[in-house]
Amino acid sequence: MTNIPGVFVAGDCNNHVFHQAVTAAGAGGATAIDCEHFLAAQNH
């Protein structure tokens, strides 16, 4: 999650040290879960 509500980043966008596909894929999965939680909270 960023400091802007509803805007998320993953992979190389938020990791300037490890530019690796595995890191990006893992972060993408975590970001999807964060997005799901954010959207669920909007419909409470």
Protein backbone atom coordinates (compact mmCIF):
# COMPACT_ATOMS: atom_id res chain seq x y z
CA MET A 1 0.00 0.00 0.00
CA THR A 2 1.19 3.56 -0.63
CA ASN A 3 0.34 6.78 1.17
CA ILE A 4 -2.48 7.25 -1.38
CA PRO A 5 -5.62 5.24 -0.44
CA GLY A 6 -6.35 2.57 -3.03
CA VAL A 7 -2.93 2.84 -4.74
CA PHE A 8 -0.70 -0.21 -4.37
CA VAL A 9 2.80 -1.08 -5.61
CA ALA A 10 4.57 -4.39 -6.06
CA GLY A 11 7.87 -5.84 -7.20
CA ASP A 12 10.48 -3.55 -8.70
CA CYS A 13 8.33 -0.48 -8.04
CA ASN A 14 8.86 -0.74 -4.29
CA ASN A 15 12.14 -2.68 -4.08
CA HIS A 16 15.19 -0.87 -5.43
CA VAL A 17 17.71 -3.44 -4.18
CA PHE A 18 16.46 -6.83 -5.37
CA HIS A 19 15.18 -6.59 -8.92
CA GLN A 20 14.24 -10.24 -9.26
CA ALA A 21 11.27 -11.98 -10.82
CA VAL A 22 10.68 -14.12 -7.71
CA THR A 23 10.63 -11.05 -5.49
CA ALA A 24 8.17 -9.34 -7.84
CA ALA A 25 5.92 -12.40 -8.02
CA GLY A 26 5.82 -12.75 -4.24
CA ALA A 27 5.14 -9.07 -3.77
CA GLY A 28 2.41 -9.25 -6.40
CA GLY A 29 0.65 -11.96 -4.42
CA ALA A 30 0.90 -9.96 -1.21
CA THR A 31 -0.35 -6.86 -3.00
CA ALA A 32 -3.37 -8.77 -4.33
CA ILE A 33 -4.26 -9.74 -0.77
CA ASP A 34 -3.85 -6.12 0.40
CA CYS A 35 -6.12 -4.95 -2.45
CA GLU A 36 -8.71 -7.55 -1.50
CA HIS A 37 -8.70 -6.35 2.12
CA PHE A 38 -8.91 -2.71 1.02
CA LEU A 39 -11.88 -3.38 -1.27
CA ALA A 40 -13.65 -5.47 1.37
CA ALA A 41 -13.28 -2.63 3.86
CA GLN A 42 -14.87 -0.21 1.36
CA ASN A 43 -18.02 -2.36 1.29
CA HIS A 44 -18.41 -2.86 5.06
